[in-house]
Amino acid sequence: MHLAPRIAHIAGTDGDGWGIYYRTREMIRAGERVLNLTIGEHDVKTDAAILTAMHGAAMAGHTGYTFGAGLPELRAAIAGRVQARTGVATRAENIVVTPGGQSALFSAHMALLDRGDTGLYCAPFYPTYPGTIRATGAEAVAVATRSSHDFQPEAAAILAAASGARTLLINSPNNPTGVIYGRGTLEGIAGAVREADLWLISDEVYDTQVWESAHLSPRALPGMAERTVVIGSMSKSHAMTGSRLGWVVAPEAVVEAITLLSTVTTYGVPAFIQHAALHALAQGEGFEATIADPFRRRREIAARALAGSQAIRAIPSAGAMYVMLDIRATGLSGNAFAERLLEEERIAVMPGESFGAPAAGHCRVAMTIPDEDFAEAMARLAGFADRLLP
């Protein structure tokens, strides 16, 4: 007896890159004080009014099967939000509701890739990306970006990797770097995607966390709506990570394919969660800004703490809840830096190597602990790094 080979194919050979996080979690369980900057999880919980709406919907009887693309009223609300934020005409028929953004990523790739295909993704990358692509039976190929170029993807690199590829996965605002892809970058990506005849899968779950410039969905660029699939989620915009409510925005044929897939996998998202999401979306942009504000503040806290450091170069963070730090001046790898920081300072960060080779010699800071603790962590981190200088 043996497991299906597809499971080993999903796992790949590089591990999941989350060793520091698992170790930190065990230290905290053992009662140690660790300033944990590893995980992209809000330090505030889901708003009580959203939970009340969820409870009310469940008590009202919305507890049955919900197979299909999602509640019509929720699909319409998501479509309206997308159209208002991007300027691209969007109908409910362009939306399929999924159990979180990760399910949306999986479903989109399952609809567009098959065994023997190649799916591209930009590195540094969120750790589930290559495994999600490999879950389809396809091969996952990284398109490297450069720290010296602020990790903005370049069209030439995409085209160099595009032979045999069918999809390209991008993420802006970006996890792990905090970078927002500018218009020039996105126009270059769009040109490469059209030249190579690729589907573009755009993970935009951080679209409400924008500190500088503006978020531009590539779906809004000329000729891109028909070949772009957008991933959205309530997790980051509404602090609803555990509710598992995401969506895909796509041409109708892709929505129909994902709906068919959901029938044989998830059978839909619980209706009481969908009703809670509908309530949350109705709170508008002001509510979403309130959820994002702590990370805006902490970005400034990080900038002040790092301003005098000789050992750290911060990648310009224009969005998302992360800051990526170039610590190569210390002479340490990202892994070695993170290990020593945890051991000597009880501060936990993710080594850049967890997010792919282009981030080697960097570390990712999640701005997800209260302001006072975050300020302490960043000041101590900067002092630690400076002490390591030759």
Protein backbone atom coordinates (compact mmCIF):
# COMPACT_ATOMS: atom_id res chain seq x y z
CA MET A 1 0.00 0.00 0.00
CA HIS A 2 1.28 3.48 -0.82
CA LEU A 3 0.15 7.05 -1.16
CA ALA A 4 -0.68 8.55 -4.52
CA PRO A 5 2.45 10.05 -6.16
CA ARG A 6 0.60 13.35 -6.54
CA ILE A 7 1.08 13.99 -2.79
CA ALA A 8 4.86 13.80 -3.06
CA HIS A 9 4.61 15.98 -6.17
CA ILE A 10 2.71 18.63 -4.19
CA ALA A 11 5.29 18.64 -1.41
CA GLY A 12 8.26 19.02 -3.74
CA THR A 13 11.79 18.78 -2.35
CA ASP A 14 12.31 22.10 -0.55
CA GLY A 15 10.17 21.66 2.58
CA ASP A 16 7.56 24.16 3.71
CA GLY A 17 10.02 26.79 5.02
CA TRP A 18 8.09 27.33 8.27
CA GLY A 19 10.54 25.82 10.78
CA ILE A 20 11.05 29.11 12.66
CA TYR A 21 7.30 29.58 12.99
CA TYR A 22 6.75 26.07 14.34
CA ARG A 23 9.60 26.49 16.84
CA THR A 24 8.29 29.89 17.95
CA ARG A 25 4.84 28.45 18.52
CA GLU A 26 6.27 25.73 20.77
CA MET A 27 8.31 28.27 22.77
CA ILE A 28 5.21 30.38 23.35
CA ARG A 29 3.23 27.30 24.40
CA ALA A 30 5.98 26.55 26.92
CA GLY A 31 5.44 29.98 28.49
CA GLU A 32 8.34 31.91 27.01
CA ARG A 33 7.89 35.53 25.94
CA VAL A 34 8.67 35.68 22.25
CA LEU A 35 7.91 38.73 20.11
CA ASN A 36 6.40 36.85 17.21
CA LEU A 37 6.74 38.61 13.85
CA THR A 38 6.38 35.48 11.72
CA ILE A 39 2.72 35.17 10.76
CA GLY A 40 0.34 37.32 8.72
CA GLU A 41 -2.49 37.14 11.24
CA HIS A 42 -4.24 40.25 12.58
CA ASP A 43 -3.70 40.91 16.28
CA VAL A 44 -7.33 42.06 16.44
CA LYS A 45 -10.08 39.49 16.04
CA THR A 46 -13.10 39.49 13.74
CA ASP A 47 -15.40 42.38 14.62
CA ALA A 48 -18.18 41.41 17.02
CA ALA A 49 -20.88 42.78 14.71
CA ILE A 50 -19.76 40.40 11.95
CA LEU A 51 -19.86 37.47 14.36
CA THR A 52 -23.31 38.55 15.52
CA ALA A 53 -24.48 38.58 11.91
CA MET A 54 -22.98 35.12 11.42
CA HIS A 55 -24.73 33.82 14.53
CA GLY A 56 -27.99 35.41 13.50
CA ALA A 57 -27.82 33.84 10.05
CA ALA A 58 -27.15 30.41 11.54
CA MET A 59 -30.01 30.78 14.03
CA ALA A 60 -32.28 31.90 11.19
CA GLY A 61 -31.73 28.53 9.53
CA HIS A 62 -28.98 29.25 7.00
CA THR A 63 -27.23 25.99 7.80
CA GLY A 64 -28.01 23.77 4.82
CA TYR A 65 -26.12 22.83 1.67
CA THR A 66 -24.91 25.72 -0.47
CA PHE A 67 -23.38 24.02 -3.49
CA GLY A 68 -22.88 26.26 -6.49
CA ALA A 69 -21.01 29.51 -7.11
CA GLY A 70 -22.27 31.24 -3.95
CA LEU A 71 -25.31 33.15 -2.73
CA PRO A 72 -26.55 35.39 -5.57
CA GLU A 73 -26.66 38.46 -3.33
CA LEU A 74 -23.08 37.91 -2.13
CA ARG A 75 -21.80 37.37 -5.67
CA ALA A 76 -23.52 40.61 -6.69
CA ALA A 77 -22.01 42.49 -3.72
CA ILE A 78 -18.50 41.22 -4.52
CA ALA A 79 -18.95 42.12 -8.19
CA GLY A 80 -20.06 45.62 -7.25
CA ARG A 81 -17.08 46.05 -4.94
CA VAL A 82 -14.65 44.84 -7.60
CA GLN A 83 -16.14 47.14 -10.24
CA ALA A 84 -16.05 50.14 -7.91
CA ARG A 85 -12.44 49.52 -6.89
CA THR A 86 -11.01 48.66 -10.33
CA GLY A 87 -13.26 50.37 -12.87
CA VAL A 88 -13.70 47.10 -14.76
CA ALA A 89 -17.26 46.03 -15.60
CA THR A 90 -17.97 43.02 -13.39
CA ARG A 91 -21.15 40.96 -13.07
CA ALA A 92 -22.23 38.39 -10.50
CA GLU A 93 -21.61 35.80 -13.20
CA ASN A 94 -17.89 36.69 -13.02
CA ILE A 95 -17.73 35.68 -9.34
CA VAL A 96 -17.45 32.31 -7.63
CA VAL A 97 -17.28 32.17 -3.82
CA THR A 98 -14.70 29.80 -2.30
CA PRO A 99 -13.66 28.61 1.19
CA GLY A 100 -10.93 31.23 1.54
CA GLY A 101 -8.27 32.67 -0.73
CA GLN A 102 -6.19 29.48 -0.71
CA SER A 103 -9.12 27.52 -2.09
CA ALA A 104 -9.54 30.23 -4.72
CA LEU A 105 -5.88 29.83 -5.73
CA PHE A 106 -6.23 26.05 -5.91
CA SER A 107 -9.47 26.21 -7.88
CA ALA A 108 -8.12 28.72 -10.39
CA HIS A 109 -5.05 26.63 -11.10
CA MET A 110 -7.12 23.45 -11.32
CA ALA A 111 -9.33 25.10 -13.92
CA LEU A 112 -6.41 26.32 -16.03
CA LEU A 113 -3.62 23.73 -15.66
CA ASP A 114 -3.28 20.03 -16.28
CA ARG A 115 -0.66 17.31 -15.92
CA GLY A 116 2.36 18.11 -18.06
CA ASP A 117 1.68 21.85 -18.14
CA THR A 118 3.83 24.49 -16.48
CA GLY A 119 2.60 27.17 -14.10
CA LEU A 120 4.81 30.18 -13.40
CA TYR A 121 4.97 32.17 -10.18
CA CYS A 122 7.12 35.10 -9.09
CA ALA A 123 9.74 34.69 -6.39
CA PRO A 124 9.87 35.67 -3.56
CA PHE A 125 6.53 33.95 -3.10
CA TYR A 126 3.94 32.96 -0.53
CA PRO A 127 4.98 29.42 0.47
CA THR A 128 1.83 27.65 -0.76
CA TYR A 129 2.24 28.87 -4.34
CA PRO A 130 4.44 26.11 -5.84
CA GLY A 131 2.54 23.34 -4.07
CA THR A 132 -0.77 24.74 -5.27
CA ILE A 133 0.48 24.64 -8.85
CA ARG A 134 1.93 21.14 -8.45
CA ALA A 135 -1.40 19.93 -7.00
CA THR A 136 -2.83 20.16 -10.51
CA GLY A 137 -0.17 17.74 -11.79
CA ALA A 138 1.66 20.59 -13.51
CA GLU A 139 5.22 21.70 -12.91
CA ALA A 140 5.83 24.89 -10.92
CA VAL A 141 8.56 27.22 -12.22
CA ALA A 142 9.71 30.32 -10.37
CA VAL A 143 10.35 33.63 -12.13
CA ALA A 144 13.04 35.34 -10.08
CA THR A 145 12.83 39.00 -9.13
CA ARG A 146 15.74 41.07 -7.79
CA SER A 147 16.22 42.80 -4.46
CA SER A 148 18.14 45.54 -6.27
CA HIS A 149 15.02 46.11 -8.40
CA ASP A 150 12.77 46.14 -5.28
CA PHE A 151 11.47 42.71 -6.26
CA GLN A 152 9.40 44.09 -9.17
CA PRO A 153 8.86 41.34 -11.81
CA GLU A 154 10.47 41.98 -15.19
CA ALA A 155 8.92 41.07 -18.53
CA ALA A 156 12.16 39.61 -19.89
CA ALA A 157 12.40 37.15 -17.00
CA ILE A 158 8.78 36.06 -17.53
CA LEU A 159 9.32 35.47 -21.24
CA ALA A 160 12.55 33.56 -20.56
CA ALA A 161 10.59 31.09 -18.40
CA ALA A 162 7.42 30.96 -20.50
CA SER A 163 8.16 28.05 -22.83
CA GLY A 164 5.47 25.43 -22.21
CA ALA A 165 3.75 27.55 -19.57
CA ARG A 166 0.02 28.20 -19.41
CA THR A 167 -0.32 30.43 -16.34
CA LEU A 168 1.53 33.13 -14.42
CA LEU A 169 0.72 33.83 -10.75
CA ILE A 170 1.50 37.30 -9.35
CA ASN A 171 0.74 38.96 -6.01
CA SER A 172 0.42 42.71 -5.42
CA PRO A 173 0.44 44.15 -2.79
CA ASN A 174 3.02 41.48 -2.19
CA ASN A 175 3.61 38.92 0.51
CA PRO A 176 6.42 38.67 1.61
CA THR A 177 8.04 41.89 0.34
CA GLY A 178 5.40 44.58 0.96
CA VAL A 179 6.02 45.80 -2.59
CA ILE A 180 3.21 47.11 -4.82
CA TYR A 181 3.70 46.50 -8.53
CA GLY A 182 3.68 49.84 -10.33
CA ARG A 183 1.87 50.55 -13.57
CA GLY A 184 5.05 50.10 -15.59
CA THR A 185 5.68 46.73 -14.00
CA LEU A 186 2.11 45.60 -14.61
CA GLU A 187 2.15 46.79 -18.21
CA GLY A 188 5.34 44.79 -18.71
CA ILE A 189 3.73 41.72 -17.13
CA ALA A 190 0.62 42.18 -19.30
CA GLY A 191 2.73 42.46 -22.45
CA ALA A 192 4.67 39.30 -21.57
CA VAL A 193 1.46 37.42 -20.75
CA ARG A 194 -0.09 38.37 -24.09
CA GLU A 195 3.08 37.54 -26.04
CA ALA A 196 3.40 34.12 -24.39
CA ASP A 197 -0.38 33.50 -24.46
CA LEU A 198 -0.65 32.90 -20.72
CA TRP A 199 -3.48 33.15 -18.25
CA LEU A 200 -2.63 35.69 -15.53
CA ILE A 201 -3.69 34.76 -11.98
CA SER A 202 -3.52 37.86 -9.80
CA ASP A 203 -3.61 37.36 -6.04
CA GLU A 204 -5.00 40.65 -4.69
CA VAL A 205 -5.99 39.70 -1.15
CA TYR A 206 -4.02 42.68 0.27
CA ASP A 207 -5.72 45.26 -1.95
CA THR A 208 -7.01 47.26 1.04
CA GLN A 209 -3.55 47.54 2.61
CA VAL A 210 -1.97 50.26 0.46
CA TRP A 211 0.38 52.77 2.10
CA GLU A 212 1.97 54.46 -0.91
CA SER A 213 1.09 54.82 -4.58
CA ALA A 214 -2.04 52.88 -5.57
CA HIS A 215 -3.10 49.32 -6.20
CA LEU A 216 -3.82 48.63 -9.87
CA SER A 217 -5.46 45.36 -10.82
CA PRO A 218 -3.97 44.01 -14.07
CA ARG A 219 -7.50 43.05 -15.05
CA ALA A 220 -8.03 46.79 -15.68
CA LEU A 221 -5.31 47.00 -18.34
CA PRO A 222 -6.32 46.92 -22.03
CA GLY A 223 -6.99 43.42 -23.34
CA MET A 224 -6.43 41.75 -19.96
CA ALA A 225 -9.92 41.15 -18.55
CA GLU A 226 -10.43 38.13 -20.80
CA ARG A 227 -7.20 36.44 -19.68
CA THR A 228 -6.98 37.51 -16.01
CA VAL A 229 -8.25 35.61 -12.96
CA VAL A 230 -8.27 37.59 -9.70
CA ILE A 231 -8.10 36.07 -6.22
CA GLY A 232 -9.90 37.91 -3.41
CA SER A 233 -10.61 37.21 0.24
CA MET A 234 -12.26 38.56 3.39
CA SER A 235 -9.30 37.39 5.48
CA LYS A 236 -7.04 40.44 5.24
CA SER A 237 -9.58 43.17 4.45
CA HIS A 238 -12.01 42.29 7.25
CA ALA A 239 -9.87 40.28 9.74
CA MET A 240 -11.91 37.16 8.93
CA THR A 241 -9.03 34.71 8.48
CA GLY A 242 -10.76 31.79 10.20
CA SER A 243 -14.09 32.28 8.46
CA ARG A 244 -12.61 31.02 5.17
CA LEU A 245 -14.43 33.22 2.68
CA GLY A 246 -12.73 34.03 -0.61
CA TRP A 247 -13.62 34.42 -4.25
CA VAL A 248 -12.44 34.23 -7.82
CA VAL A 249 -13.13 36.96 -10.38
CA ALA A 250 -12.89 35.53 -13.88
CA PRO A 251 -14.48 35.15 -17.31
CA GLU A 252 -17.71 33.20 -17.09
CA ALA A 253 -16.25 29.99 -18.57
CA VAL A 254 -13.66 29.88 -15.78
CA VAL A 255 -16.33 30.58 -13.14
CA GLU A 256 -18.40 27.69 -14.50
CA ALA A 257 -15.38 25.35 -14.39
CA ILE A 258 -14.57 26.29 -10.79
CA THR A 259 -18.21 25.87 -9.80
CA LEU A 260 -18.13 22.34 -11.21
CA LEU A 261 -14.93 21.65 -9.27
CA SER A 262 -16.50 22.89 -6.04
CA THR A 263 -19.35 20.42 -6.45
CA VAL A 264 -16.91 17.52 -6.10
CA THR A 265 -14.67 19.13 -3.46
CA THR A 266 -16.06 21.67 -1.00
CA TYR A 267 -19.77 21.65 -1.92
CA GLY A 268 -19.78 25.38 -1.25
CA VAL A 269 -19.23 27.75 1.67
CA PRO A 270 -21.64 27.58 4.65
CA ALA A 271 -24.50 29.99 4.07
CA PHE A 272 -24.23 31.61 7.51
CA ILE A 273 -20.62 32.58 6.71
CA GLN A 274 -21.70 33.98 3.35
CA HIS A 275 -24.37 36.07 5.09
CA ALA A 276 -21.76 37.35 7.55
CA ALA A 277 -19.51 38.31 4.62
CA LEU A 278 -22.41 40.16 3.03
CA HIS A 279 -22.89 42.08 6.27
CA ALA A 280 -19.16 42.83 6.47
CA LEU A 281 -18.94 44.11 2.89
CA ALA A 282 -21.89 46.42 3.58
CA GLN A 283 -19.78 48.26 6.19
CA GLY A 284 -17.88 49.90 3.35
CA GLU A 285 -14.38 51.26 2.83
CA GLY A 286 -14.27 53.07 6.17
CA PHE A 287 -14.48 49.79 8.04
CA GLU A 288 -11.81 48.24 5.83
CA ALA A 289 -9.54 51.23 6.50
CA THR A 290 -9.96 50.67 10.23
CA ILE A 291 -8.76 47.09 9.83
CA ALA A 292 -5.75 48.27 7.80
CA ASP A 293 -4.75 51.24 10.00
CA PRO A 294 -2.60 49.30 12.52
CA PHE A 295 -0.28 48.14 9.75
CA ARG A 296 -0.01 51.66 8.37
CA ARG A 297 1.10 52.84 11.84
CA ARG A 298 3.54 49.99 12.32
CA ARG A 299 5.15 50.61 8.97
CA GLU A 300 6.09 54.05 10.30
CA ILE A 301 7.27 52.52 13.57
CA ALA A 302 9.53 50.17 11.60
CA ALA A 303 10.90 53.01 9.48
CA ARG A 304 11.84 55.02 12.58
CA ALA A 305 13.48 52.03 14.27
CA LEU A 306 15.56 51.19 11.20
CA ALA A 307 16.46 54.74 10.17
CA GLY A 308 19.93 54.70 11.71
CA SER A 309 20.82 51.08 11.08
CA GLN A 310 24.02 50.38 9.19
CA ALA A 311 23.26 46.67 8.87
CA ILE A 312 19.73 46.67 7.45
CA ARG A 313 18.25 47.93 4.20
CA ALA A 314 14.46 47.86 4.20
CA ILE A 315 12.82 47.07 0.87
CA PRO A 316 10.37 49.96 0.31
CA SER A 317 7.09 48.66 1.78
CA ALA A 318 4.17 50.26 -0.03
CA GLY A 319 1.48 47.81 1.04
CA ALA A 320 0.48 44.63 2.91
CA MET A 321 1.31 43.81 6.53
CA TYR A 322 4.99 43.04 5.99
CA VAL A 323 8.42 44.63 5.79
CA MET A 324 11.24 42.80 4.01
CA LEU A 325 14.72 43.49 5.41
CA ASP A 326 17.98 42.99 3.53
CA ILE A 327 20.42 41.84 6.23
CA ARG A 328 23.28 40.66 3.98
CA ALA A 329 25.60 43.31 5.43
CA THR A 330 25.70 41.22 8.63
CA GLY A 331 27.38 38.40 6.73
CA LEU A 332 24.62 35.98 7.73
CA SER A 333 22.06 34.16 5.65
CA GLY A 334 18.41 34.86 6.37
CA ASN A 335 18.16 31.47 8.07
CA ALA A 336 21.18 32.06 10.31
CA PHE A 337 20.03 35.59 11.18
CA ALA A 338 16.53 34.40 12.11
CA GLU A 339 17.87 31.51 14.19
CA ARG A 340 20.24 33.73 16.16
CA LEU A 341 17.63 36.47 16.60
CA LEU A 342 15.24 33.93 18.09
CA GLU A 343 17.88 32.39 20.35
CA GLU A 344 19.51 35.57 21.57
CA GLU A 345 16.66 38.11 21.54
CA ARG A 346 13.51 35.97 21.59
CA ILE A 347 12.30 37.78 18.47
CA ALA A 348 10.88 35.62 15.69
CA VAL A 349 11.00 36.62 12.01
CA MET A 350 10.72 34.56 8.85
CA PRO A 351 14.00 33.97 6.98
CA GLY A 352 13.88 35.17 3.40
CA GLU A 353 14.92 31.74 2.17
CA SER A 354 11.44 30.53 3.21
CA PHE A 355 10.09 32.52 0.26
CA GLY A 356 12.52 31.43 -2.43
CA ALA A 357 16.12 31.92 -3.49
CA PRO A 358 15.80 35.61 -4.53
CA ALA A 359 15.06 36.49 -0.89
CA ALA A 360 18.17 34.78 0.52
CA GLY A 361 19.95 37.09 2.92
CA HIS A 362 16.70 38.82 3.82
CA CYS A 363 14.06 38.33 6.50
CA ARG A 364 10.35 39.11 6.57
CA VAL A 365 8.78 41.00 9.44
CA ALA A 366 5.03 40.64 9.96
CA MET A 367 3.62 43.80 11.55
CA THR A 368 1.08 41.82 13.53
CA ILE A 369 1.71 42.50 17.22
CA PRO A 370 0.55 45.54 19.26
CA ASP A 371 2.33 48.83 18.58
CA GLU A 372 4.33 48.97 21.82
CA ASP A 373 5.59 45.41 21.43
CA PHE A 374 6.30 45.99 17.75
CA ALA A 375 8.36 49.10 18.51
CA GLU A 376 10.36 47.14 21.08
CA ALA A 377 10.92 44.27 18.64
CA MET A 378 12.09 46.51 15.81
CA ALA A 379 14.46 48.52 18.01
CA ARG A 380 16.01 45.36 19.41
CA LEU A 381 16.20 43.77 15.95
CA ALA A 382 18.04 46.80 14.56
CA GLY A 383 20.47 46.82 17.49
CA PHE A 384 21.09 43.09 17.11
CA ALA A 385 21.83 43.46 13.39
CA ASP A 386 24.21 46.39 13.94
CA ARG A 387 26.16 44.39 16.54
CA LEU A 388 26.78 41.73 13.91
CA LEU A 389 28.58 44.07 11.52
CA PRO A 390 32.21 43.02 10.88
